[in-house]
Amino acid sequence: MKAIHKIIITGLMLFIAGGFIIGCSSTKHKYTSATTVGEEFNIEKSGAQLWGEACNRCHLAPSPADYNDTDWSTISLHMRVRANLTEHDINKIEEFLKSAN
């Protein structure tokens, strides 16, 4: 009885794992950056949009007026690492924050 259960469980695990492997490998969309909405449209998000999306993921986004340009440079460097943002995205966010300051 135990051998039958092991065979059934092993078969189910292989079936489920096979589905995940096939599902992952057959994905056609490749999003390399948070700046593109869709591969076929290649629409760039503004620094303000990226700021709203990236900063509000983990905490309330501070007002651009809360810090000066030097502070925003330091904060941007730190948050790029913490939020796993691309250099392109953080540059757009920092540009927005400094322009609104």
PDB file of N, CA and C in Angstrom:
ATOM      1  N   MET A   1       0.809  -1.189   0.000  1.00  0.00           N
ATOM      2  CA  MET A   1       0.000   0.000   0.000  1.00  0.00           C
ATOM      3  C   MET A   1       0.856   1.259   0.000  1.00  0.00           C
ATOM      4  N   LYS A   2       1.926   1.262   0.781  1.00  0.00           N
ATOM      5  CA  LYS A   2       2.787   2.426   0.831  1.00  0.00           C
ATOM      6  C   LYS A   2       3.474   2.674  -0.503  1.00  0.00           C
ATOM      7  N   ALA A   3       3.856   1.618  -1.205  1.00  0.00           N
ATOM      8  CA  ALA A   3       4.537   1.763  -2.491  1.00  0.00           C
ATOM      9  C   ALA A   3       3.620   2.422  -3.510  1.00  0.00           C
ATOM     10  N   ILE A   4       2.366   2.103  -3.507  1.00  0.00           N
ATOM     11  CA  ILE A   4       1.408   2.697  -4.445  1.00  0.00           C
ATOM     12  C   ILE A   4       1.259   4.188  -4.152  1.00  0.00           C
ATOM     13  N   HIS A   5       1.174   4.539  -2.899  1.00  0.00           N
ATOM     14  CA  HIS A   5       1.058   5.955  -2.523  1.00  0.00           C
ATOM     15  C   HIS A   5       2.295   6.729  -2.960  1.00  0.00           C
ATOM     16  N   LYS A   6       3.474   6.137  -2.788  1.00  0.00           N
ATOM     17  CA  LYS A   6       4.715   6.804  -3.193  1.00  0.00           C
ATOM     18  C   LYS A   6       4.741   7.017  -4.701  1.00  0.00           C
ATOM     19  N   ILE A   7       4.279   6.034  -5.453  1.00  0.00           N
ATOM     20  CA  ILE A   7       4.260   6.149  -6.914  1.00  0.00           C
ATOM     21  C   ILE A   7       3.281   7.239  -7.336  1.00  0.00           C
ATOM     22  N   ILE A   8       2.119   7.270  -6.730  1.00  0.00           N
ATOM     23  CA  ILE A   8       1.112   8.274  -7.077  1.00  0.00           C
ATOM     24  C   ILE A   8       1.611   9.670  -6.720  1.00  0.00           C
ATOM     25  N   ILE A   9       2.181   9.824  -5.541  1.00  0.00           N
ATOM     26  CA  ILE A   9       2.689  11.130  -5.113  1.00  0.00           C
ATOM     27  C   ILE A   9       3.838  11.569  -6.007  1.00  0.00           C
ATOM     28  N   THR A  10       4.748  10.654  -6.329  1.00  0.00           N
ATOM     29  CA  THR A  10       5.863  10.989  -7.218  1.00  0.00           C
ATOM     30  C   THR A  10       5.348  11.393  -8.590  1.00  0.00           C
ATOM     31  N   GLY A  11       4.363  10.674  -9.111  1.00  0.00           N
ATOM     32  CA  GLY A  11       3.789  11.010 -10.408  1.00  0.00           C
ATOM     33  C   GLY A  11       3.135  12.374 -10.405  1.00  0.00           C
ATOM     34  N   LEU A  12       2.409  12.697  -9.345  1.00  0.00           N
ATOM     35  CA  LEU A  12       1.776  14.017  -9.238  1.00  0.00           C
ATOM     36  C   LEU A  12       2.815  15.126  -9.146  1.00  0.00           C
ATOM     37  N   MET A  13       3.874  14.886  -8.386  1.00  0.00           N
ATOM     38  CA  MET A  13       4.925  15.891  -8.251  1.00  0.00           C
ATOM     39  C   MET A  13       5.603  16.141  -9.595  1.00  0.00           C
ATOM     40  N   LEU A  14       5.870  15.084 -10.335  1.00  0.00           N
ATOM     41  CA  LEU A  14       6.485  15.244 -11.652  1.00  0.00           C
ATOM     42  C   LEU A  14       5.548  15.959 -12.615  1.00  0.00           C
ATOM     43  N   PHE A  15       4.267  15.648 -12.541  1.00  0.00           N
ATOM     44  CA  PHE A  15       3.285  16.310 -13.396  1.00  0.00           C
ATOM     45  C   PHE A  15       3.231  17.810 -13.097  1.00  0.00           C
ATOM     46  N   ILE A  16       3.174  18.151 -11.812  1.00  0.00           N
ATOM     47  CA  ILE A  16       3.114  19.559 -11.418  1.00  0.00           C
ATOM     48  C   ILE A  16       4.411  20.269 -11.791  1.00  0.00           C
ATOM     49  N   ALA A  17       5.552  19.662 -11.496  1.00  0.00           N
ATOM     50  CA  ALA A  17       6.841  20.275 -11.832  1.00  0.00           C
ATOM     51  C   ALA A  17       6.980  20.446 -13.335  1.00  0.00           C
ATOM     52  N   GLY A  18       6.529  19.492 -14.102  1.00  0.00           N
ATOM     53  CA  GLY A  18       6.586  19.594 -15.564  1.00  0.00           C
ATOM     54  C   GLY A  18       5.758  20.752 -16.071  1.00  0.00           C
ATOM     55  N   GLY A  19       4.617  20.979 -15.465  1.00  0.00           N
ATOM     56  CA  GLY A  19       3.775  22.110 -15.848  1.00  0.00           C
ATOM     57  C   GLY A  19       4.448  23.436 -15.578  1.00  0.00           C
ATOM     58  N   PHE A  20       5.139  23.532 -14.433  1.00  0.00           N
ATOM     59  CA  PHE A  20       5.844  24.768 -14.109  1.00  0.00           C
ATOM     60  C   PHE A  20       7.016  24.992 -15.053  1.00  0.00           C
ATOM     61  N   ILE A  21       7.730  23.936 -15.368  1.00  0.00           N
ATOM     62  CA  ILE A  21       8.879  24.070 -16.266  1.00  0.00           C
ATOM     63  C   ILE A  21       8.422  24.479 -17.656  1.00  0.00           C
ATOM     64  N   ILE A  22       7.395  23.848 -18.155  1.00  0.00           N
ATOM     65  CA  ILE A  22       6.880  24.193 -19.484  1.00  0.00           C
ATOM     66  C   ILE A  22       6.313  25.603 -19.473  1.00  0.00           C
ATOM     67  N   GLY A  23       5.574  25.940 -18.429  1.00  0.00           N
ATOM     68  CA  GLY A  23       4.980  27.274 -18.336  1.00  0.00           C
ATOM     69  C   GLY A  23       6.023  28.362 -18.302  1.00  0.00           C
ATOM     70  N   CYS A  24       7.116  28.133 -17.586  1.00  0.00           N
ATOM     71  CA  CYS A  24       8.160  29.156 -17.485  1.00  0.00           C
ATOM     72  C   CYS A  24       8.948  29.281 -18.777  1.00  0.00           C
ATOM     73  N   SER A  25       9.235  28.167 -19.413  1.00  0.00           N
ATOM     74  CA  SER A  25      10.077  28.228 -20.603  1.00  0.00           C
ATOM     75  C   SER A  25       9.329  28.712 -21.829  1.00  0.00           C
ATOM     76  N   SER A  26       8.001  28.639 -21.810  1.00  0.00           N
ATOM     77  CA  SER A  26       7.251  29.049 -22.995  1.00  0.00           C
ATOM     78  C   SER A  26       6.783  30.498 -22.913  1.00  0.00           C
ATOM     79  N   THR A  27       7.208  31.227 -21.899  1.00  0.00           N
ATOM     80  CA  THR A  27       6.813  32.619 -21.771  1.00  0.00           C
ATOM     81  C   THR A  27       7.403  33.431 -22.911  1.00  0.00           C
ATOM     82  N   LYS A  28       6.553  34.180 -23.602  1.00  0.00           N
ATOM     83  CA  LYS A  28       7.001  34.944 -24.761  1.00  0.00           C
ATOM     84  C   LYS A  28       7.392  36.366 -24.406  1.00  0.00           C
ATOM     85  N   HIS A  29       6.839  36.919 -23.322  1.00  0.00           N
ATOM     86  CA  HIS A  29       7.103  38.297 -22.959  1.00  0.00           C
ATOM     87  C   HIS A  29       8.350  38.389 -22.103  1.00  0.00           C
ATOM     88  N   LYS A  30       9.195  39.317 -22.446  1.00  0.00           N
ATOM     89  CA  LYS A  30      10.401  39.558 -21.675  1.00  0.00           C
ATOM     90  C   LYS A  30      10.414  41.026 -21.292  1.00  0.00           C
ATOM     91  N   TYR A  31      10.249  41.313 -20.023  1.00  0.00           N
ATOM     92  CA  TYR A  31      10.281  42.669 -19.524  1.00  0.00           C
ATOM     93  C   TYR A  31      11.617  42.881 -18.830  1.00  0.00           C
ATOM     94  N   THR A  32      12.446  43.694 -19.411  1.00  0.00           N
ATOM     95  CA  THR A  32      13.787  43.895 -18.885  1.00  0.00           C
ATOM     96  C   THR A  32      13.855  45.048 -17.914  1.00  0.00           C
ATOM     97  N   SER A  33      12.847  45.886 -17.887  1.00  0.00           N
ATOM     98  CA  SER A  33      12.895  47.067 -17.042  1.00  0.00           C
ATOM     99  C   SER A  33      11.495  47.467 -16.634  1.00  0.00           C
ATOM    100  N   ALA A  34      11.414  48.158 -15.538  1.00  0.00           N
ATOM    101  CA  ALA A  34      10.112  48.651 -15.085  1.00  0.00           C
ATOM    102  C   ALA A  34       9.629  49.811 -15.945  1.00  0.00           C
ATOM    103  N   THR A  35      10.454  50.253 -16.898  1.00  0.00           N
ATOM    104  CA  THR A  35      10.083  51.416 -17.692  1.00  0.00           C
ATOM    105  C   THR A  35       9.241  51.055 -18.904  1.00  0.00           C
ATOM    106  N   THR A  36       9.158  49.799 -19.292  1.00  0.00           N
ATOM    107  CA  THR A  36       8.362  49.448 -20.458  1.00  0.00           C
ATOM    108  C   THR A  36       7.052  48.821 -20.020  1.00  0.00           C
ATOM    109  N   VAL A  37       5.967  49.300 -20.595  1.00  0.00           N
ATOM    110  CA  VAL A  37       4.652  48.769 -20.269  1.00  0.00           C
ATOM    111  C   VAL A  37       4.429  47.471 -21.027  1.00  0.00           C
ATOM    112  N   GLY A  38       4.748  47.455 -22.287  1.00  0.00           N
ATOM    113  CA  GLY A  38       4.568  46.263 -23.096  1.00  0.00           C
ATOM    114  C   GLY A  38       5.632  46.188 -24.169  1.00  0.00           C
ATOM    115  N   GLU A  39       6.006  44.975 -24.500  1.00  0.00           N
ATOM    116  CA  GLU A  39       7.055  44.767 -25.488  1.00  0.00           C
ATOM    117  C   GLU A  39       6.665  45.355 -26.847  1.00  0.00           C
ATOM    118  N   GLU A  40       5.398  45.179 -27.230  1.00  0.00           N
ATOM    119  CA  GLU A  40       4.963  45.642 -28.534  1.00  0.00           C
ATOM    120  C   GLU A  40       4.772  47.150 -28.606  1.00  0.00           C
ATOM    121  N   PHE A  41       4.573  47.830 -27.475  1.00  0.00           N
ATOM    122  CA  PHE A  41       4.361  49.267 -27.487  1.00  0.00           C
ATOM    123  C   PHE A  41       5.605  50.052 -27.089  1.00  0.00           C
ATOM    124  N   ASN A  42       6.405  49.500 -26.184  1.00  0.00           N
ATOM    125  CA  ASN A  42       7.641  50.120 -25.706  1.00  0.00           C
ATOM    126  C   ASN A  42       7.403  51.556 -25.236  1.00  0.00           C
ATOM    127  N   ILE A  43       6.427  51.720 -24.350  1.00  0.00           N
ATOM    128  CA  ILE A  43       6.076  53.025 -23.811  1.00  0.00           C
ATOM    129  C   ILE A  43       6.917  53.277 -22.573  1.00  0.00           C
ATOM    130  N   GLU A  44       7.606  54.398 -22.558  1.00  0.00           N
ATOM    131  CA  GLU A  44       8.444  54.762 -21.419  1.00  0.00           C
ATOM    132  C   GLU A  44       7.607  55.431 -20.342  1.00  0.00           C
ATOM    133  N   LYS A  45       7.829  55.046 -19.101  1.00  0.00           N
ATOM    134  CA  LYS A  45       7.165  55.700 -17.980  1.00  0.00           C
ATOM    135  C   LYS A  45       7.983  56.911 -17.577  1.00  0.00           C
ATOM    136  N   SER A  46       7.301  57.911 -17.076  1.00  0.00           N
ATOM    137  CA  SER A  46       7.987  59.120 -16.628  1.00  0.00           C
ATOM    138  C   SER A  46       8.626  58.872 -15.268  1.00  0.00           C
ATOM    139  N   GLY A  47       9.509  59.784 -14.878  1.00  0.00           N
ATOM    140  CA  GLY A  47      10.127  59.699 -13.565  1.00  0.00           C
ATOM    141  C   GLY A  47       9.101  59.787 -12.454  1.00  0.00           C
ATOM    142  N   ALA A  48       8.064  60.601 -12.659  1.00  0.00           N
ATOM    143  CA  ALA A  48       7.001  60.738 -11.658  1.00  0.00           C
ATOM    144  C   ALA A  48       6.227  59.431 -11.497  1.00  0.00           C
ATOM    145  N   GLN A  49       5.939  58.750 -12.601  1.00  0.00           N
ATOM    146  CA  GLN A  49       5.234  57.476 -12.529  1.00  0.00           C
ATOM    147  C   GLN A  49       6.086  56.430 -11.818  1.00  0.00           C
ATOM    148  N   LEU A  50       7.365  56.360 -12.195  1.00  0.00           N
ATOM    149  CA  LEU A  50       8.262  55.397 -11.559  1.00  0.00           C
ATOM    150  C   LEU A  50       8.409  55.688 -10.075  1.00  0.00           C
ATOM    151  N   TRP A  51       8.511  56.973  -9.718  1.00  0.00           N
ATOM    152  CA  TRP A  51       8.616  57.377  -8.319  1.00  0.00           C
ATOM    153  C   TRP A  51       7.390  56.912  -7.533  1.00  0.00           C
ATOM    154  N   GLY A  52       6.210  57.157  -8.089  1.00  0.00           N
ATOM    155  CA  GLY A  52       4.980  56.747  -7.416  1.00  0.00           C
ATOM    156  C   GLY A  52       4.877  55.244  -7.242  1.00  0.00           C
ATOM    157  N   GLU A  53       5.253  54.500  -8.259  1.00  0.00           N
ATOM    158  CA  GLU A  53       5.158  53.041  -8.198  1.00  0.00           C
ATOM    159  C   GLU A  53       6.235  52.432  -7.306  1.00  0.00           C
ATOM    160  N   ALA A  54       7.474  52.840  -7.519  1.00  0.00           N
ATOM    161  CA  ALA A  54       8.591  52.213  -6.800  1.00  0.00           C
ATOM    162  C   ALA A  54       8.614  52.592  -5.326  1.00  0.00           C
ATOM    163  N   CYS A  55       8.425  53.855  -5.018  1.00  0.00           N
ATOM    164  CA  CYS A  55       8.551  54.320  -3.627  1.00  0.00           C
ATOM    165  C   CYS A  55       7.367  53.897  -2.776  1.00  0.00           C
ATOM    166  N   ASN A  56       6.192  53.825  -3.371  1.00  0.00           N
ATOM    167  CA  ASN A  56       5.003  53.463  -2.599  1.00  0.00           C
ATOM    168  C   ASN A  56       4.851  51.956  -2.409  1.00  0.00           C
ATOM    169  N   ARG A  57       5.733  51.170  -3.012  1.00  0.00           N
ATOM    170  CA  ARG A  57       5.678  49.721  -2.800  1.00  0.00           C
ATOM    171  C   ARG A  57       5.934  49.359  -1.346  1.00  0.00           C
ATOM    172  N   CYS A  58       6.887  50.058  -0.724  1.00  0.00           N
ATOM    173  CA  CYS A  58       7.299  49.692   0.633  1.00  0.00           C
ATOM    174  C   CYS A  58       6.960  50.736   1.689  1.00  0.00           C
ATOM    175  N   HIS A  59       6.806  51.977   1.299  1.00  0.00           N
ATOM    176  CA  HIS A  59       6.532  53.044   2.266  1.00  0.00           C
ATOM    177  C   HIS A  59       5.848  54.196   1.547  1.00  0.00           C
ATOM    178  N   LEU A  60       5.378  55.158   2.314  1.00  0.00           N
ATOM    179  CA  LEU A  60       4.795  56.353   1.709  1.00  0.00           C
ATOM    180  C   LEU A  60       5.900  57.139   1.024  1.00  0.00           C
ATOM    181  N   ALA A  61       5.674  57.495  -0.208  1.00  0.00           N
ATOM    182  CA  ALA A  61       6.681  58.242  -0.962  1.00  0.00           C
ATOM    183  C   ALA A  61       6.800  59.651  -0.389  1.00  0.00           C
ATOM    184  N   PRO A  62       8.017  60.080  -0.096  1.00  0.00           N
ATOM    185  CA  PRO A  62       8.182  61.434   0.443  1.00  0.00           C
ATOM    186  C   PRO A  62       7.929  62.483  -0.637  1.00  0.00           C
ATOM    187  N   SER A  63       7.599  63.662  -0.202  1.00  0.00           N
ATOM    188  CA  SER A  63       7.397  64.763  -1.126  1.00  0.00           C
ATOM    189  C   SER A  63       8.749  65.172  -1.715  1.00  0.00           C
ATOM    190  N   PRO A  64       8.792  65.559  -2.979  1.00  0.00           N
ATOM    191  CA  PRO A  64      10.054  66.030  -3.551  1.00  0.00           C
ATOM    192  C   PRO A  64      10.645  67.208  -2.789  1.00  0.00           C
ATOM    193  N   ALA A  65       9.811  67.991  -2.132  1.00  0.00           N
ATOM    194  CA  ALA A  65      10.288  69.157  -1.387  1.00  0.00           C
ATOM    195  C   ALA A  65      10.887  68.791  -0.029  1.00  0.00           C
ATOM    196  N   ASP A  66      10.763  67.540   0.387  1.00  0.00           N
ATOM    197  CA  ASP A  66      11.274  67.120   1.697  1.00  0.00           C
ATOM    198  C   ASP A  66      12.794  67.149   1.786  1.00  0.00           C
ATOM    199  N   TYR A  67      13.483  67.012   0.655  1.00  0.00           N
ATOM    200  CA  TYR A  67      14.941  66.931   0.649  1.00  0.00           C
ATOM    201  C   TYR A  67      15.525  67.826  -0.436  1.00  0.00           C
ATOM    202  N   ASN A  68      16.792  68.194  -0.277  1.00  0.00           N
ATOM    203  CA  ASN A  68      17.469  68.983  -1.302  1.00  0.00           C
ATOM    204  C   ASN A  68      18.122  68.044  -2.327  1.00  0.00           C
ATOM    205  N   ASP A  69      18.741  68.609  -3.359  1.00  0.00           N
ATOM    206  CA  ASP A  69      19.313  67.805  -4.445  1.00  0.00           C
ATOM    207  C   ASP A  69      20.389  66.836  -3.955  1.00  0.00           C
ATOM    208  N   THR A  70      21.227  67.284  -3.026  1.00  0.00           N
ATOM    209  CA  THR A  70      22.287  66.422  -2.501  1.00  0.00           C
ATOM    210  C   THR A  70      21.686  65.241  -1.740  1.00  0.00           C
ATOM    211  N   ASP A  71      20.677  65.521  -0.940  1.00  0.00           N
ATOM    212  CA  ASP A  71      20.008  64.443  -0.204  1.00  0.00           C
ATOM    213  C   ASP A  71      19.360  63.443  -1.157  1.00  0.00           C
ATOM    214  N   TRP A  72      18.698  63.953  -2.220  1.00  0.00           N
ATOM    215  CA  TRP A  72      18.053  63.049  -3.174  1.00  0.00           C
ATOM    216  C   TRP A  72      19.071  62.160  -3.871  1.00  0.00           C
ATOM    217  N   SER A  73      20.272  62.678  -4.142  1.00  0.00           N
ATOM    218  CA  SER A  73      21.315  61.852  -4.765  1.00  0.00           C
ATOM    219  C   SER A  73      21.694  60.692  -3.845  1.00  0.00           C
ATOM    220  N   THR A  74      21.864  60.977  -2.576  1.00  0.00           N
ATOM    221  CA  THR A  74      22.221  59.938  -1.606  1.00  0.00           C
ATOM    222  C   THR A  74      21.079  58.942  -1.426  1.00  0.00           C
ATOM    223  N   ILE A  75      19.864  59.454  -1.278  1.00  0.00           N
ATOM    224  CA  ILE A  75      18.701  58.590  -1.098  1.00  0.00           C
ATOM    225  C   ILE A  75      18.497  57.707  -2.328  1.00  0.00           C
ATOM    226  N   SER A  76      18.694  58.275  -3.519  1.00  0.00           N
ATOM    227  CA  SER A  76      18.519  57.514  -4.762  1.00  0.00           C
ATOM    228  C   SER A  76      19.498  56.354  -4.839  1.00  0.00           C
ATOM    229  N   LEU A  77      20.723  56.596  -4.467  1.00  0.00           N
ATOM    230  CA  LEU A  77      21.733  55.526  -4.486  1.00  0.00           C
ATOM    231  C   LEU A  77      21.327  54.401  -3.536  1.00  0.00           C
ATOM    232  N   HIS A  78      20.913  54.766  -2.343  1.00  0.00           N
ATOM    233  CA  HIS A  78      20.495  53.780  -1.349  1.00  0.00           C
ATOM    234  C   HIS A  78      19.257  53.010  -1.813  1.00  0.00           C
ATOM    235  N   MET A  79      18.260  53.727  -2.312  1.00  0.00           N
ATOM    236  CA  MET A  79      17.010  53.080  -2.696  1.00  0.00           C
ATOM    237  C   MET A  79      17.132  52.274  -3.978  1.00  0.00           C
ATOM    238  N   ARG A  80      18.093  52.617  -4.822  1.00  0.00           N
ATOM    239  CA  ARG A  80      18.314  51.804  -6.024  1.00  0.00           C
ATOM    240  C   ARG A  80      18.663  50.382  -5.615  1.00  0.00           C
ATOM    241  N   VAL A  81      19.518  50.259  -4.611  1.00  0.00           N
ATOM    242  CA  VAL A  81      19.919  48.945  -4.130  1.00  0.00           C
ATOM    243  C   VAL A  81      18.763  48.273  -3.389  1.00  0.00           C
ATOM    244  N   ARG A  82      18.125  49.006  -2.491  1.00  0.00           N
ATOM    245  CA  ARG A  82      17.044  48.434  -1.667  1.00  0.00           C
ATOM    246  C   ARG A  82      15.847  47.993  -2.513  1.00  0.00           C
ATOM    247  N   ALA A  83      15.481  48.800  -3.511  1.00  0.00           N
ATOM    248  CA  ALA A  83      14.286  48.514  -4.320  1.00  0.00           C
ATOM    249  C   ALA A  83      14.617  47.748  -5.596  1.00  0.00           C
ATOM    250  N   ASN A  84      15.901  47.437  -5.797  1.00  0.00           N
ATOM    251  CA  ASN A  84      16.341  46.684  -6.975  1.00  0.00           C
ATOM    252  C   ASN A  84      15.899  47.374  -8.275  1.00  0.00           C
ATOM    253  N   LEU A  85      16.212  48.657  -8.383  1.00  0.00           N
ATOM    254  CA  LEU A  85      15.850  49.443  -9.562  1.00  0.00           C
ATOM    255  C   LEU A  85      17.020  49.500 -10.535  1.00  0.00           C
ATOM    256  N   THR A  86      16.703  49.661 -11.796  1.00  0.00           N
ATOM    257  CA  THR A  86      17.754  49.800 -12.799  1.00  0.00           C
ATOM    258  C   THR A  86      18.347  51.205 -12.715  1.00  0.00           C
ATOM    259  N   GLU A  87      19.530  51.367 -13.262  1.00  0.00           N
ATOM    260  CA  GLU A  87      20.165  52.684 -13.267  1.00  0.00           C
ATOM    261  C   GLU A  87      19.315  53.679 -14.058  1.00  0.00           C
ATOM    262  N   HIS A  88      18.756  53.225 -15.166  1.00  0.00           N
ATOM    263  CA  HIS A  88      17.899  54.077 -15.996  1.00  0.00           C
ATOM    264  C   HIS A  88      16.689  54.577 -15.193  1.00  0.00           C
ATOM    265  N   ASP A  89      16.044  53.668 -14.476  1.00  0.00           N
ATOM    266  CA  ASP A  89      14.852  54.030 -13.707  1.00  0.00           C
ATOM    267  C   ASP A  89      15.187  54.996 -12.575  1.00  0.00           C
ATOM    268  N   ILE A  90      16.248  54.722 -11.836  1.00  0.00           N
ATOM    269  CA  ILE A  90      16.578  55.590 -10.707  1.00  0.00           C
ATOM    270  C   ILE A  90      17.022  56.964 -11.185  1.00  0.00           C
ATOM    271  N   ASN A  91      17.669  57.027 -12.350  1.00  0.00           N
ATOM    272  CA  ASN A  91      18.051  58.327 -12.912  1.00  0.00           C
ATOM    273  C   ASN A  91      16.821  59.152 -13.269  1.00  0.00           C
ATOM    274  N   LYS A  92      15.790  58.497 -13.822  1.00  0.00           N
ATOM    275  CA  LYS A  92      14.556  59.210 -14.157  1.00  0.00           C
ATOM    276  C   LYS A  92      13.838  59.673 -12.895  1.00  0.00           C
ATOM    277  N   ILE A  93      13.816  58.831 -11.877  1.00  0.00           N
ATOM    278  CA  ILE A  93      13.174  59.206 -10.614  1.00  0.00           C
ATOM    279  C   ILE A  93      13.915  60.374  -9.974  1.00  0.00           C
ATOM    280  N   GLU A  94      15.244  60.272  -9.923  1.00  0.00           N
ATOM    281  CA  GLU A  94      16.051  61.333  -9.313  1.00  0.00           C
ATOM    282  C   GLU A  94      15.892  62.649 -10.076  1.00  0.00           C
ATOM    283  N   GLU A  95      15.854  62.571 -11.396  1.00  0.00           N
ATOM    284  CA  GLU A  95      15.650  63.771 -12.209  1.00  0.00           C
ATOM    285  C   GLU A  95      14.313  64.429 -11.877  1.00  0.00           C
ATOM    286  N   PHE A  96      13.264  63.609 -11.743  1.00  0.00           N
ATOM    287  CA  PHE A  96      11.948  64.138 -11.374  1.00  0.00           C
ATOM    288  C   PHE A  96      11.985  64.798  -9.998  1.00  0.00           C
ATOM    289  N   LEU A  97      12.579  64.112  -9.019  1.00  0.00           N
ATOM    290  CA  LEU A  97      12.609  64.642  -7.648  1.00  0.00           C
ATOM    291  C   LEU A  97      13.354  65.957  -7.575  1.00  0.00           C
ATOM    292  N   LYS A  98      14.466  66.048  -8.298  1.00  0.00           N
ATOM    293  CA  LYS A  98      15.255  67.281  -8.270  1.00  0.00           C
ATOM    294  C   LYS A  98      14.554  68.420  -9.021  1.00  0.00           C
ATOM    295  N   SER A  99      13.825  68.081 -10.090  1.00  0.00           N
ATOM    296  CA  SER A  99      13.140  69.136 -10.858  1.00  0.00           C
ATOM    297  C   SER A  99      11.937  69.682 -10.094  1.00  0.00           C
ATOM    298  N   ALA A 100      11.335  68.844  -9.270  1.00  0.00           N
ATOM    299  CA  ALA A 100      10.170  69.262  -8.507  1.00  0.00           C
ATOM    300  C   ALA A 100      10.565  69.913  -7.188  1.00  0.00           C
ATOM    301  N   ASN A 101      11.835  69.901  -6.884  1.00  0.00           N
ATOM    302  CA  ASN A 101      12.344  70.420  -5.614  1.00  0.00           C
ATOM    303  C   ASN A 101      12.423  71.936  -5.657  1.00  0.00           C
TER     304      ASN A 101
END
